[in-house]
Amino acid sequence: MIDDTYTVYNLAEKGSNPTDTLPFIDEFILEKPTIIFYGFSYRDFNVEKIESNILPDPNHEFTKIIENIDPKLNTINPKSATLKIIRNSFQNEVIFPDDTDEIITILNDTQLRNQVHLSDAPKLHIPSSDVNKRVKDMEKIISKVQDNNIKLILFVAPLNEHYLEIIPESEKNSFNLIVQELSKKYNVEIYDYSDKYVGLPIWADLVHVAYNKNAIIYSEDVAKIIINEIGK
């Protein structure tokens, strides 16, 4: 998005977390942004428990099959390829995710409820900040941004109520404590939007507000945060 004053880059990658982002933060900083608006949620600090799998991992097995057919097939991902190009050689262009079709449609409540049994929420495992690598990597990101005198806005991304309901209480408490610690340690305000849109018909799935004109409230609220922070 470009206007007369600002150029906005969307550098988010689906499924990424602070550990994924950290290797590229120096490249982002080299672009000398005025503001970095960084959203995160429970998944960003989730650390998978080590379990012994009796059955083989389907993803791993299918990957091996694909690679046996043609190794290139496993690497063809237009969005990931585009982002890698951007990260390897920044261009002064506007960047938006290409694969938005899957998040355009707003689902009804029944459709959202049907997703609950597939959700990762009950399995979330969020260790405390002192033993959580993803939290430590988040702290490194914050430090690098602040050391370069770039304004950092942190916010907790919104989630559907059916997702929030099945997150274990212990993991909610752990996540909330991490958020409080980050805010205090780095003197940064963190906008918590996790339950802001509970009950509203604006969801593409349990963890994404739809990219849809009928869900514009989210974009408007984010814009208000940015405008407010610019004015400080």
Protein backbone atom coordinates (compact mmCIF):
# COMPACT_ATOMS: atom_id res chain seq x y z
CA MET A 1 0.00 0.00 0.00
CA ILE A 2 1.42 3.35 -1.02
CA ASP A 3 0.19 6.88 -0.34
CA ASP A 4 1.95 10.22 -0.48
CA THR A 5 3.63 9.66 2.87
CA TYR A 6 4.16 5.98 3.59
CA THR A 7 5.05 2.74 1.88
CA VAL A 8 3.74 -0.32 3.72
CA TYR A 9 5.43 -3.71 3.37
CA ASN A 10 3.67 -6.89 4.46
CA LEU A 11 6.49 -9.30 5.31
CA ALA A 12 4.41 -11.90 7.12
CA GLU A 13 4.69 -15.51 6.07
CA LYS A 14 2.01 -18.04 6.89
CA GLY A 15 2.96 -20.21 9.83
CA SER A 16 6.10 -18.28 10.70
CA ASN A 17 7.19 -17.63 14.29
CA PRO A 18 9.92 -15.50 15.94
CA THR A 19 12.56 -18.18 15.34
CA ASP A 20 11.72 -18.10 11.61
CA THR A 21 11.77 -14.30 11.51
CA LEU A 22 14.97 -13.67 13.47
CA PRO A 23 17.43 -14.61 10.66
CA PHE A 24 15.88 -11.93 8.44
CA ILE A 25 15.34 -9.08 10.89
CA ASP A 26 18.64 -7.39 9.96
CA GLU A 27 17.49 -7.23 6.33
CA PHE A 28 14.21 -5.67 7.40
CA ILE A 29 16.08 -3.11 9.49
CA LEU A 30 18.32 -2.18 6.55
CA GLU A 31 15.21 -0.87 4.80
CA LYS A 32 15.03 1.76 7.58
CA PRO A 33 11.31 1.44 8.33
CA THR A 34 9.63 4.08 10.46
CA ILE A 35 7.49 1.48 12.22
CA ILE A 36 7.47 -2.29 12.49
CA PHE A 37 4.02 -3.65 13.34
CA TYR A 38 4.52 -7.18 14.67
CA GLY A 39 1.59 -9.48 15.39
CA PHE A 40 1.87 -12.74 17.29
CA SER A 41 -0.27 -15.28 19.07
CA TYR A 42 -0.19 -18.49 21.10
CA ARG A 43 1.30 -20.53 18.28
CA ASP A 44 4.34 -18.25 18.12
CA PHE A 45 5.51 -19.43 21.53
CA ASN A 46 4.29 -23.00 21.20
CA VAL A 47 6.96 -25.66 21.66
CA GLU A 48 5.96 -29.10 20.49
CA LYS A 49 6.27 -31.81 23.08
CA ILE A 50 8.60 -34.65 22.17
CA GLU A 51 6.47 -37.73 21.73
CA SER A 52 7.20 -41.20 20.44
CA ASN A 53 5.08 -41.69 17.34
CA ILE A 54 3.75 -45.20 16.87
CA LEU A 55 2.53 -44.35 13.38
CA PRO A 56 4.68 -42.65 10.72
CA ASP A 57 4.25 -38.92 10.14
CA PRO A 58 2.00 -38.60 7.03
CA ASN A 59 3.59 -35.30 6.01
CA HIS A 60 7.07 -36.83 6.15
CA GLU A 61 5.99 -39.91 4.21
CA PHE A 62 4.21 -37.92 1.47
CA THR A 63 7.21 -35.61 1.21
CA LYS A 64 9.46 -38.61 0.55
CA ILE A 65 7.06 -39.86 -2.15
CA ILE A 66 6.98 -36.44 -3.84
CA GLU A 67 10.76 -36.14 -3.74
CA ASN A 68 11.12 -39.58 -5.31
CA ILE A 69 8.92 -38.45 -8.20
CA ASP A 70 10.66 -35.10 -8.67
CA PRO A 71 12.65 -33.29 -5.94
CA LYS A 72 11.64 -29.93 -7.41
CA LEU A 73 7.95 -30.57 -6.70
CA ASN A 74 8.53 -30.37 -2.97
CA THR A 75 10.04 -26.89 -3.25
CA ILE A 76 7.53 -25.22 -5.54
CA ASN A 77 5.55 -22.83 -3.37
CA PRO A 78 4.85 -19.48 -5.06
CA LYS A 79 4.43 -17.56 -1.82
CA SER A 80 7.51 -18.98 -0.13
CA ALA A 81 9.58 -18.51 -3.26
CA THR A 82 8.49 -14.90 -3.54
CA LEU A 83 9.31 -14.18 0.08
CA LYS A 84 12.73 -15.78 -0.23
CA ILE A 85 13.48 -13.58 -3.23
CA ILE A 86 12.38 -10.53 -1.27
CA ARG A 87 14.54 -11.46 1.68
CA ASN A 88 17.56 -12.21 -0.45
CA SER A 89 17.36 -8.98 -2.37
CA PHE A 90 15.00 -6.30 -1.13
CA GLN A 91 13.34 -4.18 -3.76
CA ASN A 92 11.50 -0.92 -3.21
CA GLU A 93 8.18 -2.48 -4.03
CA VAL A 94 4.88 -3.03 -2.31
CA ILE A 95 4.56 -6.56 -0.98
CA PHE A 96 1.30 -8.37 -0.32
CA PRO A 97 0.62 -12.09 0.15
CA ASP A 98 -0.59 -13.70 -3.08
CA ASP A 99 -2.51 -16.68 -1.72
CA THR A 100 -5.47 -14.82 -0.22
CA ASP A 101 -8.27 -16.89 -1.82
CA GLU A 102 -8.42 -19.29 1.12
CA ILE A 103 -9.12 -16.48 3.61
CA ILE A 104 -11.64 -14.43 1.62
CA THR A 105 -14.78 -16.42 2.49
CA ILE A 106 -16.48 -15.80 5.84
CA LEU A 107 -17.55 -19.06 7.50
CA ASN A 108 -20.71 -19.45 9.55
CA ASP A 109 -20.66 -20.66 13.14
CA THR A 110 -21.45 -24.27 12.23
CA GLN A 111 -18.54 -24.38 9.80
CA LEU A 112 -16.23 -22.92 12.43
CA ARG A 113 -17.38 -25.43 15.05
CA ASN A 114 -16.62 -28.23 12.60
CA GLN A 115 -12.98 -27.11 12.60
CA VAL A 116 -12.57 -27.51 16.35
CA HIS A 117 -11.71 -31.23 16.26
CA LEU A 118 -8.86 -30.48 13.83
CA SER A 119 -7.48 -27.59 15.85
CA ASP A 120 -4.05 -27.57 17.45
CA ALA A 121 -5.29 -25.48 20.40
CA PRO A 122 -5.68 -28.34 22.94
CA LYS A 123 -2.09 -29.44 22.26
CA LEU A 124 -0.48 -26.04 22.73
CA HIS A 125 2.55 -26.18 25.00
CA ILE A 126 3.99 -22.79 25.99
CA PRO A 127 6.96 -23.07 28.35
CA SER A 128 8.03 -20.10 30.45
CA SER A 129 10.23 -17.43 28.90
CA ASP A 130 13.42 -18.63 30.59
CA VAL A 131 13.33 -21.98 28.75
CA ASN A 132 11.39 -21.05 25.60
CA LYS A 133 13.62 -20.53 22.55
CA ARG A 134 10.88 -18.78 20.60
CA VAL A 135 10.43 -16.23 23.38
CA LYS A 136 14.18 -15.68 23.52
CA ASP A 137 14.21 -15.14 19.75
CA MET A 138 11.33 -12.68 20.08
CA GLU A 139 13.40 -10.77 22.64
CA LYS A 140 16.32 -10.66 20.21
CA ILE A 141 14.03 -9.23 17.53
CA ILE A 142 12.71 -6.56 19.89
CA SER A 143 16.23 -5.64 21.01
CA LYS A 144 17.53 -5.33 17.45
CA VAL A 145 14.61 -3.13 16.41
CA GLN A 146 14.87 -0.88 19.46
CA ASP A 147 18.67 -0.63 19.18
CA ASN A 148 18.12 0.84 15.71
CA ASN A 149 15.64 3.42 17.02
CA ILE A 150 12.76 1.95 15.03
CA LYS A 151 9.32 2.21 16.58
CA LEU A 152 7.95 -1.24 17.37
CA ILE A 153 4.27 -1.97 17.80
CA LEU A 154 3.37 -5.39 19.18
CA PHE A 155 -0.10 -6.86 19.13
CA VAL A 156 -1.69 -10.19 19.94
CA ALA A 157 -3.66 -11.33 16.91
CA PRO A 158 -7.39 -12.05 17.21
CA LEU A 159 -8.74 -15.58 17.53
CA ASN A 160 -12.19 -17.07 17.16
CA GLU A 161 -14.00 -17.88 20.39
CA HIS A 162 -14.15 -21.61 19.58
CA TYR A 163 -10.35 -21.66 19.40
CA LEU A 164 -9.95 -19.67 22.60
CA GLU A 165 -12.32 -21.99 24.46
CA ILE A 166 -10.17 -25.08 23.88
CA ILE A 167 -6.77 -23.62 24.76
CA PRO A 168 -5.71 -25.18 28.08
CA GLU A 169 -5.95 -22.69 30.93
CA SER A 170 -2.36 -23.39 31.93
CA GLU A 171 -1.12 -22.38 28.47
CA LYS A 172 -3.25 -19.23 28.51
CA ASN A 173 -1.67 -18.24 31.81
CA SER A 174 1.82 -18.97 30.52
CA PHE A 175 1.22 -16.95 27.35
CA ASN A 176 -0.24 -14.00 29.26
CA LEU A 177 2.72 -13.98 31.63
CA ILE A 178 5.14 -13.90 28.68
CA VAL A 179 3.25 -10.97 27.17
CA GLN A 180 3.41 -9.07 30.46
CA GLU A 181 7.13 -9.79 30.81
CA LEU A 182 7.89 -8.59 27.29
CA SER A 183 5.92 -5.40 27.79
CA LYS A 184 7.64 -4.60 31.07
CA LYS A 185 11.17 -5.63 30.10
CA TYR A 186 11.21 -3.67 26.83
CA ASN A 187 8.87 -0.85 27.81
CA VAL A 188 6.60 -1.53 24.86
CA GLU A 189 2.82 -1.44 24.80
CA ILE A 190 1.29 -4.67 23.54
CA TYR A 191 -2.21 -4.43 22.11
CA ASP A 192 -4.14 -7.58 23.00
CA TYR A 193 -6.74 -8.31 20.32
CA SER A 194 -7.00 -12.04 21.08
CA ASP A 195 -10.68 -11.87 22.11
CA LYS A 196 -11.65 -8.52 20.59
CA TYR A 197 -13.88 -9.98 17.86
CA VAL A 198 -15.52 -12.80 19.78
CA GLY A 199 -19.01 -13.41 18.43
CA LEU A 200 -18.57 -11.38 15.24
CA PRO A 201 -19.24 -13.06 11.86
CA ILE A 202 -15.90 -12.16 10.30
CA TRP A 203 -13.90 -15.39 10.42
CA ALA A 204 -12.22 -17.30 7.58
CA ASP A 205 -11.23 -20.01 10.06
CA LEU A 206 -10.55 -20.34 13.78
CA VAL A 207 -7.37 -18.26 13.67
CA HIS A 208 -7.86 -15.82 10.77
CA VAL A 209 -10.18 -12.89 10.25
CA ALA A 210 -11.40 -13.06 6.65
CA TYR A 211 -9.81 -10.86 4.00
CA ASN A 212 -13.26 -9.55 3.14
CA LYS A 213 -15.02 -6.17 2.98
CA ASN A 214 -17.50 -7.42 5.59
CA ALA A 215 -14.62 -7.94 8.01
CA ILE A 216 -13.17 -4.46 7.53
CA ILE A 217 -13.48 -3.73 11.26
CA TYR A 218 -10.17 -5.52 11.87
CA SER A 219 -8.29 -3.48 9.27
CA GLU A 220 -9.82 -0.29 10.61
CA ASP A 221 -8.78 -1.10 14.18
CA VAL A 222 -5.22 -1.91 13.12
CA ALA A 223 -5.08 1.35 11.17
CA LYS A 224 -6.20 3.23 14.29
CA ILE A 225 -3.38 1.66 16.32
CA ILE A 226 -0.78 2.67 13.73
CA ILE A 227 -2.13 6.22 13.42
CA ASN A 228 -2.20 6.54 17.20
CA GLU A 229 1.40 5.35 17.50
CA ILE A 230 2.61 7.62 14.70
CA GLY A 231 1.09 10.56 16.56
CA LYS A 232 2.99 9.85 19.78
